[in-house]
Amino acid sequence: MTVSIVLFTSDLRLHDNPALRAALREADRIVPLFVYDDGLRATGFAVPNRRAFLADCLEDLDSGLRERGGRLVVRSGDVVDQVRRVVTETGAARVHVAAGVSRYATRREERLRAALGDTGCRLVVHDAVLTAVAPGELLPTGKDHYAVFTPYFRRWTSEGVRDFLAAPRKVPVADVKSEPVLPRAEITGVSPGLGPGGESAGRKRLLAWLTGGIAGYEDGHDDIAGDATSRLSPHLHFGTLSAAEVIHKATREGSPGAQAFVRQLAWRDFHHQVLAARPDAAAQDYRSHGDRWRTDTKEITAWTEGRTGYPFVDAAMRQLRHEGWMHNRGRMVVASFLTKTLYVDWRVGARHFLSLLVDGDIANNQMNWQWAAGTGTDTRPNRVLNPVVQGKRFDPAGGYVRRWLPELAEVPDRYIHEPWKLPDDDRSGVDYPAPVVELTEGRARFEQARGA
């Protein structure tokens, strides 16, 4: 009997899983393996929201495997040690894993390859499992990655995305010991509004999006009060949905909204290929401006707690705390406010986001923060998003602000984004802080620092 191992990482699905299908083609039985990795705990990446979502994902993956005659094998500890143990226990000839782009993921592959070297078991790494197009597959002439999105997107569109695979009908699993999946209910510190995880939940949300939301995406994606986005990012991050499948199905829908949505998915691939080529960008400026960032503990705390005095910023930060998720327009505005109005290091914001975001991954989180800070791939690095202007434009009636800032529920529309302008007679009962900084002061400070 031949055995192969599928090491699940950020590809927690049965549909369109090339690593899983390759293992099933070559072996009589497989071991669908997930390891609660001590390394991820040590790096601080295993925060409550992502642990809770992961628990849903693993329970759903196990259920899907059992429907096909198999089961999920779960272990805890160092991922390399646990894989080697399963190889020894089963005599597996192959270990299949999806390629990652973070320094941690690439180091994991190196360690696995070294550890399996004397066992007779081969490591097989599969590209384009976590993304639609593999990082490094599209290269400009004479360079190792695209540094600007528009030419990348043109190439990405012209080359096309690989087709997607159906889920297997049967998954015969080798007899090997497994630990129980940690239930979501046992995880503390989870945001109360965190959505459900798992492939079943992801596919249900995708279907609803394709049939009832995507057509209006082009016009409605920035309507922050209307919440007219897909909310698929957590499922793409954990791999309960395949980016390739989502893109193919969105493309078939064919509306201008679908085209705009696919463009956003291309941004995800773009950031992965940047980080794959420049892994240091997870912690260092992609394009340094010699910033001497400010450190003001009170201002940073006001930002994290949603008490800056700017309603659009504060609403978005409170949504993050409550849901473990934030609308993309909100992400752009709060990041610009922290890095350019308060002139605080982008790494401070990136760490806070990773402590709460259920969809927080290194490539998208860090590179989006660098874009906002002007240290990344933005071709206009000194642009500043005015939170008042942004609020009036994208939340004109204040529905989003009132949803997350109940203390401003009775403020008239004309003052909802500038409550400090309320007449004295209308301020009674409004318990909301004054702005932590004047916008003109913050902008002047930033421009002077950048030499703009």
Protein backbone atom coordinates (compact mmCIF):
# COMPACT_ATOMS: atom_id res chain seq x y z
CA MET A 1 0.00 0.00 0.00
CA THR A 2 1.40 3.40 -0.99
CA VAL A 3 0.83 6.45 1.22
CA SER A 4 1.17 10.19 0.63
CA ILE A 5 0.71 13.05 3.09
CA VAL A 6 -1.11 16.30 2.36
CA LEU A 7 0.04 18.97 4.78
CA PHE A 8 -2.77 21.54 4.97
CA THR A 9 -1.65 25.08 5.78
CA SER A 10 -3.65 27.94 4.25
CA ASP A 11 -5.55 25.71 1.83
CA LEU A 12 -8.27 24.31 4.10
CA ARG A 13 -10.60 23.06 1.39
CA LEU A 14 -11.51 20.05 -0.73
CA HIS A 15 -12.51 21.95 -3.88
CA ASP A 16 -9.68 23.06 -6.16
CA ASN A 17 -6.87 21.75 -4.02
CA PRO A 18 -4.02 20.67 -6.35
CA ALA A 19 -1.94 19.26 -3.49
CA LEU A 20 -4.79 17.04 -2.35
CA ARG A 21 -5.60 15.84 -5.87
CA ALA A 22 -1.94 15.07 -6.61
CA ALA A 23 -1.66 12.94 -3.47
CA LEU A 24 -4.84 11.03 -4.33
CA ARG A 25 -3.61 10.32 -7.87
CA GLU A 26 -0.34 8.78 -6.79
CA ALA A 27 -1.14 6.85 -3.60
CA ASP A 28 -3.50 4.14 -2.40
CA ARG A 29 -4.14 6.06 0.82
CA ILE A 30 -3.33 9.54 2.03
CA VAL A 31 -2.93 11.36 5.33
CA PRO A 32 -4.77 14.72 5.30
CA LEU A 33 -2.65 16.35 8.01
CA PHE A 34 -2.96 19.62 9.88
CA VAL A 35 -0.46 20.62 12.57
CA TYR A 36 -1.19 23.16 15.29
CA ASP A 37 2.23 24.67 14.72
CA ASP A 38 4.20 25.83 17.75
CA GLY A 39 6.11 28.17 15.44
CA LEU A 40 3.00 30.19 14.60
CA ARG A 41 2.15 30.48 18.27
CA ALA A 42 5.66 31.72 19.00
CA THR A 43 5.46 34.42 16.32
CA GLY A 44 2.21 35.76 17.78
CA PHE A 45 0.29 35.00 14.61
CA ALA A 46 -2.14 32.62 16.30
CA VAL A 47 -4.41 35.31 17.79
CA PRO A 48 -7.95 34.57 19.08
CA ASN A 49 -9.91 35.66 15.98
CA ARG A 50 -7.84 33.60 13.57
CA ARG A 51 -7.73 30.66 15.99
CA ALA A 52 -11.53 30.71 16.24
CA PHE A 53 -12.00 30.93 12.48
CA LEU A 54 -9.43 28.15 12.08
CA ALA A 55 -11.40 25.94 14.49
CA ASP A 56 -14.45 26.29 12.24
CA CYS A 57 -12.32 25.55 9.19
CA LEU A 58 -10.84 22.38 10.63
CA GLU A 59 -14.19 21.06 11.86
CA ASP A 60 -15.70 21.67 8.42
CA LEU A 61 -12.72 20.13 6.63
CA ASP A 62 -12.96 17.03 8.82
CA SER A 63 -16.69 16.80 8.11
CA GLY A 64 -16.11 17.06 4.36
CA LEU A 65 -13.44 14.37 4.48
CA ARG A 66 -15.69 12.05 6.50
CA GLU A 67 -18.44 12.44 3.89
CA ARG A 68 -15.88 11.05 1.43
CA GLY A 69 -14.78 8.14 3.60
CA GLY A 70 -11.83 9.88 5.20
CA ARG A 71 -11.00 12.15 8.14
CA LEU A 72 -8.63 14.93 9.11
CA VAL A 73 -5.50 13.97 11.04
CA VAL A 74 -4.54 16.63 13.58
CA ARG A 75 -1.28 16.94 15.48
CA SER A 76 0.29 19.60 17.71
CA GLY A 77 3.91 20.70 18.04
CA ASP A 78 6.70 21.62 15.68
CA VAL A 79 5.34 21.13 12.18
CA VAL A 80 8.52 19.54 10.83
CA ASP A 81 8.80 17.10 13.73
CA GLN A 82 5.16 16.08 13.38
CA VAL A 83 5.39 15.55 9.62
CA ARG A 84 8.49 13.43 10.05
CA ARG A 85 6.70 11.34 12.69
CA VAL A 86 3.74 10.69 10.39
CA VAL A 87 6.16 9.72 7.61
CA THR A 88 7.78 7.21 9.97
CA GLU A 89 4.42 5.87 11.15
CA THR A 90 2.98 5.38 7.66
CA GLY A 91 5.97 4.90 5.37
CA ALA A 92 4.73 7.78 3.22
CA ALA A 93 6.63 8.35 -0.02
CA ARG A 94 5.51 11.96 -0.63
CA VAL A 95 4.54 15.02 1.38
CA HIS A 96 2.49 17.57 -0.57
CA VAL A 97 2.21 21.18 0.58
CA ALA A 98 1.09 24.50 -0.91
CA ALA A 99 3.85 27.04 -1.53
CA GLY A 100 3.85 30.13 0.69
CA VAL A 101 5.52 33.51 0.26
CA SER A 102 6.23 34.64 3.81
CA ARG A 103 9.67 34.11 5.28
CA TYR A 104 8.09 31.70 7.76
CA ALA A 105 6.50 29.62 4.99
CA THR A 106 9.64 29.41 2.88
CA ARG A 107 11.69 28.50 5.94
CA ARG A 108 9.15 25.77 6.75
CA GLU A 109 9.64 24.31 3.28
CA GLU A 110 13.42 24.38 3.68
CA ARG A 111 13.21 22.64 7.06
CA LEU A 112 10.80 20.01 5.74
CA ARG A 113 13.04 19.26 2.77
CA ALA A 114 16.07 18.88 5.04
CA ALA A 115 14.22 16.74 7.59
CA LEU A 116 12.86 14.38 4.94
CA GLY A 117 16.17 14.05 3.15
CA ASP A 118 17.25 10.81 4.82
CA THR A 119 13.79 9.21 5.06
CA GLY A 120 13.26 8.38 1.39
CA CYS A 121 10.21 10.63 1.42
CA ARG A 122 10.05 13.48 -1.10
CA LEU A 123 8.61 16.95 -0.46
CA VAL A 124 6.39 18.24 -3.31
CA VAL A 125 5.58 21.97 -3.18
CA HIS A 126 2.61 23.17 -5.23
CA ASP A 127 2.46 26.70 -6.66
CA ALA A 128 -0.73 28.70 -7.31
CA VAL A 129 -2.72 27.03 -4.55
CA LEU A 130 -2.97 30.02 -2.23
CA THR A 131 -3.10 32.56 -5.09
CA ALA A 132 -4.64 32.55 -8.56
CA VAL A 133 -1.27 33.04 -10.27
CA ALA A 134 1.88 31.78 -8.61
CA PRO A 135 4.28 34.44 -7.30
CA GLY A 136 7.20 34.63 -9.71
CA GLU A 137 5.25 33.22 -12.63
CA LEU A 138 4.83 36.66 -14.21
CA LEU A 139 8.05 38.66 -14.46
CA PRO A 140 8.93 41.92 -16.22
CA THR A 141 11.98 41.84 -18.44
CA GLY A 142 15.18 41.84 -16.41
CA LYS A 143 13.45 42.05 -13.01
CA ASP A 144 12.33 39.61 -10.34
CA HIS A 145 8.86 41.10 -9.74
CA TYR A 146 6.43 43.82 -10.78
CA ALA A 147 6.75 46.91 -8.58
CA VAL A 148 3.70 48.71 -10.05
CA PHE A 149 0.23 47.20 -10.14
CA THR A 150 -1.09 48.43 -13.50
CA PRO A 151 1.48 46.67 -15.73
CA TYR A 152 1.20 43.61 -13.51
CA PHE A 153 -2.57 43.59 -13.95
CA ARG A 154 -2.29 43.89 -17.73
CA ARG A 155 0.02 40.87 -17.81
CA TRP A 156 -2.07 38.99 -15.24
CA THR A 157 -5.19 39.54 -17.36
CA SER A 158 -3.56 38.55 -20.64
CA GLU A 159 -1.98 35.37 -19.27
CA GLY A 160 -5.18 34.11 -17.63
CA VAL A 161 -5.76 32.06 -14.49
CA ARG A 162 -5.39 28.30 -14.26
CA ASP A 163 -8.59 26.25 -14.35
CA PHE A 164 -9.93 24.90 -11.07
CA LEU A 165 -10.42 21.33 -9.91
CA ALA A 166 -13.52 19.61 -8.57
CA ALA A 167 -13.55 18.18 -5.07
CA PRO A 168 -12.64 14.48 -4.86
CA ARG A 169 -15.46 11.98 -4.41
CA LYS A 170 -13.49 9.57 -2.23
CA VAL A 171 -10.60 10.19 0.14
CA PRO A 172 -9.12 6.92 1.47
CA VAL A 173 -7.07 7.70 4.58
CA ALA A 174 -4.25 5.69 6.16
CA ASP A 175 -4.69 4.48 9.73
CA VAL A 176 -2.81 6.96 11.92
CA LYS A 177 -3.48 8.57 15.28
CA SER A 178 -5.08 12.01 15.49
CA GLU A 179 -5.81 14.61 18.14
CA PRO A 180 -9.23 16.26 18.47
CA VAL A 181 -9.89 19.64 16.87
CA LEU A 182 -10.01 22.48 19.41
CA PRO A 183 -13.62 23.76 19.38
CA ARG A 184 -14.23 27.44 18.72
CA ALA A 185 -16.24 27.71 21.93
CA GLU A 186 -13.11 27.05 24.01
CA ILE A 187 -11.18 30.00 22.55
CA THR A 188 -11.33 33.20 24.58
CA GLY A 189 -10.87 36.80 23.48
CA VAL A 190 -12.72 36.40 20.18
CA SER A 191 -14.41 39.44 18.63
CA PRO A 192 -18.17 39.12 19.26
CA GLY A 193 -19.09 39.80 15.63
CA LEU A 194 -16.63 37.37 14.06
CA GLY A 195 -18.22 35.44 11.18
CA PRO A 196 -18.18 31.65 10.72
CA GLY A 197 -15.27 29.87 9.08
CA GLY A 198 -15.00 26.75 6.98
CA GLU A 199 -15.33 25.73 3.35
CA SER A 200 -19.10 25.25 3.59
CA ALA A 201 -19.60 28.76 4.95
CA GLY A 202 -17.23 30.16 2.34
CA ARG A 203 -18.98 28.50 -0.59
CA LYS A 204 -22.36 29.63 0.72
CA ARG A 205 -21.12 33.22 0.92
CA LEU A 206 -19.57 32.99 -2.55
CA LEU A 207 -22.84 31.77 -4.05
CA ALA A 208 -24.76 34.59 -2.40
CA TRP A 209 -22.21 37.10 -3.66
CA LEU A 210 -22.29 35.85 -7.25
CA THR A 211 -26.08 35.80 -7.38
CA GLY A 212 -26.95 38.87 -5.34
CA GLY A 213 -24.07 41.27 -4.85
CA ILE A 214 -21.30 41.24 -7.41
CA ALA A 215 -23.22 43.01 -10.19
CA GLY A 216 -23.41 46.17 -8.08
CA TYR A 217 -19.82 46.06 -6.91
CA GLU A 218 -18.41 48.66 -9.30
CA ASP A 219 -20.79 51.35 -8.09
CA GLY A 220 -21.26 50.18 -4.51
CA HIS A 221 -17.94 48.86 -3.24
CA ASP A 222 -17.04 52.16 -1.56
CA ASP A 223 -20.48 52.58 0.02
CA ILE A 224 -19.19 51.80 3.47
CA ALA A 225 -22.60 52.09 5.15
CA GLY A 226 -24.17 49.80 2.55
CA ASP A 227 -21.50 47.13 3.19
CA ALA A 228 -21.66 46.10 -0.46
CA THR A 229 -18.46 44.03 -0.54
CA SER A 230 -18.05 40.27 -0.72
CA ARG A 231 -16.49 39.70 2.73
CA LEU A 232 -14.67 36.75 1.17
CA SER A 233 -11.23 37.84 2.35
CA PRO A 234 -11.14 35.57 5.46
CA HIS A 235 -11.98 32.57 3.29
CA LEU A 236 -9.31 33.47 0.75
CA HIS A 237 -6.78 33.91 3.56
CA PHE A 238 -7.49 30.51 5.11
CA GLY A 239 -7.92 28.91 1.69
CA THR A 240 -11.46 27.69 2.32
CA LEU A 241 -12.11 29.26 -1.07
CA SER A 242 -9.77 29.04 -4.05
CA ALA A 243 -8.82 32.36 -5.62
CA ALA A 244 -8.72 30.69 -9.03
CA GLU A 245 -12.26 29.32 -8.67
CA VAL A 246 -13.60 32.65 -7.39
CA ILE A 247 -12.04 34.50 -10.35
CA HIS A 248 -13.38 32.05 -12.94
CA LYS A 249 -16.90 32.20 -11.53
CA ALA A 250 -16.83 35.98 -11.17
CA THR A 251 -15.57 36.33 -14.75
CA ARG A 252 -18.44 34.20 -16.03
CA GLU A 253 -20.88 36.58 -14.33
CA GLY A 254 -19.53 39.19 -16.75
CA SER A 255 -20.88 42.45 -15.32
CA PRO A 256 -18.80 45.62 -14.81
CA GLY A 257 -19.09 44.85 -11.10
CA ALA A 258 -17.52 41.44 -11.65
CA GLN A 259 -14.66 43.02 -13.60
CA ALA A 260 -14.01 45.50 -10.79
CA PHE A 261 -14.10 42.67 -8.25
CA VAL A 262 -11.62 40.55 -10.21
CA ARG A 263 -9.27 43.52 -10.32
CA GLN A 264 -9.26 43.55 -6.52
CA LEU A 265 -8.35 39.85 -6.49
CA ALA A 266 -5.46 40.66 -8.80
CA TRP A 267 -4.17 43.09 -6.14
CA ARG A 268 -3.96 40.11 -3.79
CA ASP A 269 -1.73 38.22 -6.24
CA PHE A 270 0.30 41.39 -6.83
CA HIS A 271 1.13 41.73 -3.14
CA HIS A 272 2.08 38.07 -2.88
CA GLN A 273 4.53 38.36 -5.77
CA VAL A 274 6.07 41.49 -4.22
CA LEU A 275 6.62 39.77 -0.88
CA ALA A 276 7.92 36.60 -2.52
CA ALA A 277 10.64 38.67 -4.21
CA ARG A 278 11.23 40.99 -1.24
CA PRO A 279 10.57 38.99 1.95
CA ASP A 280 12.23 41.70 4.05
CA ALA A 281 9.28 43.97 3.18
CA ALA A 282 7.31 42.19 5.90
CA ALA A 283 9.26 44.25 8.42
CA GLN A 284 11.33 46.80 6.48
CA ASP A 285 10.42 49.66 4.15
CA TYR A 286 10.06 48.51 0.55
CA ARG A 287 11.05 52.04 -0.50
CA SER A 288 12.53 54.00 2.37
CA HIS A 289 12.12 57.75 2.75
CA GLY A 290 14.30 57.94 5.85
CA ASP A 291 11.25 58.54 8.02
CA ARG A 292 11.83 59.43 11.65
CA TRP A 293 8.47 58.28 12.92
CA ARG A 294 6.81 59.84 15.95
CA THR A 295 5.93 57.79 19.01
CA ASP A 296 3.03 59.30 20.93
CA THR A 297 1.49 56.66 23.18
CA LYS A 298 -1.68 58.65 23.84
CA GLU A 299 -2.34 59.23 20.16
CA ILE A 300 -1.64 55.59 19.28
CA THR A 301 -3.99 54.43 22.04
CA ALA A 302 -6.70 56.81 20.85
CA TRP A 303 -6.31 55.35 17.35
CA THR A 304 -6.48 51.71 18.48
CA GLU A 305 -9.52 52.39 20.69
CA GLY A 306 -11.40 54.45 18.12
CA ARG A 307 -11.22 57.70 20.12
CA THR A 308 -9.30 60.01 17.77
CA GLY A 309 -12.12 62.53 17.47
CA TYR A 310 -12.51 61.80 13.76
CA PRO A 311 -15.73 59.77 13.37
CA PHE A 312 -14.86 57.97 10.14
CA VAL A 313 -11.57 56.75 11.60
CA ASP A 314 -13.10 55.80 14.94
CA ALA A 315 -16.02 53.92 13.39
CA ALA A 316 -13.66 51.80 11.32
CA MET A 317 -11.43 51.02 14.30
CA ARG A 318 -14.42 49.95 16.37
CA GLN A 319 -15.69 47.76 13.56
CA LEU A 320 -12.29 46.07 13.54
CA ARG A 321 -12.46 45.36 17.26
CA HIS A 322 -16.04 44.06 17.10
CA GLU A 323 -15.88 41.98 13.92
CA GLY A 324 -12.22 41.19 13.38
CA TRP A 325 -12.74 42.71 9.93
CA MET A 326 -12.87 46.17 8.35
CA HIS A 327 -14.19 47.56 5.09
CA ASN A 328 -11.37 48.27 2.62
CA ARG A 329 -12.17 51.98 2.42
CA GLY A 330 -11.91 52.11 6.21
CA ARG A 331 -8.56 50.33 6.11
CA MET A 332 -7.17 52.91 3.71
CA VAL A 333 -8.38 55.86 5.75
CA VAL A 334 -7.27 54.65 9.18
CA ALA A 335 -3.87 53.64 7.80
CA SER A 336 -3.35 57.01 6.16
CA PHE A 337 -4.42 58.74 9.37
CA LEU A 338 -1.96 56.81 11.53
CA THR A 339 1.03 57.01 9.21
CA LYS A 340 0.59 60.45 7.67
CA THR A 341 -1.61 62.54 9.96
CA LEU A 342 -0.14 61.20 13.21
CA TYR A 343 3.13 60.25 11.46
CA VAL A 344 3.41 56.94 13.33
CA ASP A 345 5.40 53.98 11.98
CA TRP A 346 3.34 51.74 9.69
CA ARG A 347 4.60 48.70 11.59
CA VAL A 348 2.64 49.85 14.66
CA GLY A 349 -0.56 49.80 12.64
CA ALA A 350 0.30 46.54 10.89
CA ARG A 351 0.87 44.80 14.24
CA HIS A 352 -2.45 46.06 15.61
CA PHE A 353 -4.30 44.90 12.52
CA LEU A 354 -2.69 41.46 12.74
CA SER A 355 -3.77 41.20 16.37
CA LEU A 356 -7.43 41.39 15.32
CA LEU A 357 -7.96 40.80 11.59
CA VAL A 358 -9.33 37.38 10.79
CA ASP A 359 -8.04 37.82 7.22
CA GLY A 360 -4.67 39.16 8.37
CA ASP A 361 -1.83 37.68 6.35
CA ILE A 362 1.67 38.98 5.93
CA ALA A 363 1.57 39.72 2.20
CA ASN A 364 -1.66 41.71 2.06
CA ASN A 365 -1.48 43.30 5.49
CA GLN A 366 2.11 44.48 5.34
CA MET A 367 2.10 45.56 1.72
CA ASN A 368 -1.19 47.44 2.08
CA TRP A 369 0.17 49.22 5.14
CA GLN A 370 3.31 50.13 3.23
CA TRP A 371 1.17 51.41 0.35
CA ALA A 372 -0.74 53.63 2.79
CA ALA A 373 2.45 54.84 4.45
CA GLY A 374 4.08 55.70 1.14
CA THR A 375 6.93 53.28 1.77
CA GLY A 376 5.52 50.59 -0.53
CA THR A 377 4.40 50.39 -4.15
CA ASP A 378 2.20 53.51 -4.28
CA THR A 379 3.38 55.75 -7.12
CA ARG A 380 2.13 58.77 -5.13
CA PRO A 381 3.84 58.09 -1.78
CA ASN A 382 2.94 61.43 -0.20
CA ARG A 383 -0.81 61.35 -0.79
CA VAL A 384 -2.83 61.94 2.40
CA LEU A 385 -6.44 60.83 2.82
CA ASN A 386 -8.47 63.43 4.71
CA PRO A 387 -10.84 61.49 7.02
CA VAL A 388 -13.45 64.25 6.99
CA VAL A 389 -13.52 64.44 3.20
CA GLN A 390 -13.51 60.65 2.96
CA GLY A 391 -16.40 60.42 5.42
CA LYS A 392 -18.50 62.98 3.57
CA ARG A 393 -17.84 61.25 0.27
CA PHE A 394 -18.31 57.61 1.23
CA ASP A 395 -20.66 57.90 4.22
CA PRO A 396 -22.59 61.09 3.41
CA ALA A 397 -25.60 60.36 5.62
CA GLY A 398 -23.43 59.05 8.47
CA GLY A 399 -25.00 55.60 8.57
CA TYR A 400 -21.67 53.87 9.07
CA VAL A 401 -20.52 56.30 11.74
CA ARG A 402 -23.77 56.02 13.69
CA ARG A 403 -23.64 52.21 13.50
CA TRP A 404 -20.31 52.09 15.31
CA LEU A 405 -20.38 55.31 17.33
CA PRO A 406 -23.71 55.28 19.20
CA GLU A 407 -22.64 58.42 21.10
CA LEU A 408 -23.11 60.32 17.83
CA ALA A 409 -26.50 58.79 17.00
CA GLU A 410 -28.40 62.05 17.43
CA VAL A 411 -25.89 64.33 15.72
CA PRO A 412 -27.36 65.94 12.57
CA ASP A 413 -26.01 64.80 9.21
CA ARG A 414 -24.21 68.08 8.52
CA TYR A 415 -22.08 67.64 11.66
CA ILE A 416 -21.67 63.85 11.70
CA HIS A 417 -18.12 63.96 10.33
CA GLU A 418 -17.19 67.19 12.14
CA PRO A 419 -18.89 66.97 15.55
CA TRP A 420 -16.56 69.61 16.98
CA LYS A 421 -18.52 72.13 14.90
CA LEU A 422 -21.75 71.42 16.76
CA PRO A 423 -23.30 74.58 18.26
CA ASP A 424 -22.87 74.73 22.02
CA ASP A 425 -26.58 74.20 22.59
CA ASP A 426 -26.47 70.87 20.68
CA ARG A 427 -23.46 69.36 22.46
CA SER A 428 -25.24 68.20 25.60
CA GLY A 429 -25.24 64.41 25.82
CA VAL A 430 -22.56 64.04 23.14
CA ASP A 431 -19.70 62.23 24.88
CA TYR A 432 -17.12 62.27 22.12
CA PRO A 433 -13.51 63.43 22.26
CA ALA A 434 -12.02 66.43 20.53
CA PRO A 435 -9.65 65.64 17.62
CA VAL A 436 -6.24 64.40 18.76
CA VAL A 437 -4.62 66.68 16.16
CA GLU A 438 -5.72 69.28 13.65
CA LEU A 439 -5.61 67.86 10.14
CA THR A 440 -3.71 70.83 8.75
CA GLU A 441 -1.12 70.51 11.52
CA GLY A 442 -0.69 66.79 10.89
CA ARG A 443 -0.35 67.22 7.14
CA ALA A 444 2.17 70.05 7.47
CA ARG A 445 4.24 67.97 9.89
CA PHE A 446 4.21 64.99 7.54
CA GLU A 447 5.10 67.02 4.46
CA GLN A 448 7.93 68.72 6.28
CA ALA A 449 9.27 65.36 7.46
CA ARG A 450 9.09 63.90 3.95
CA GLY A 451 10.47 67.05 2.37
CA ALA A 452 7.46 67.16 0.07
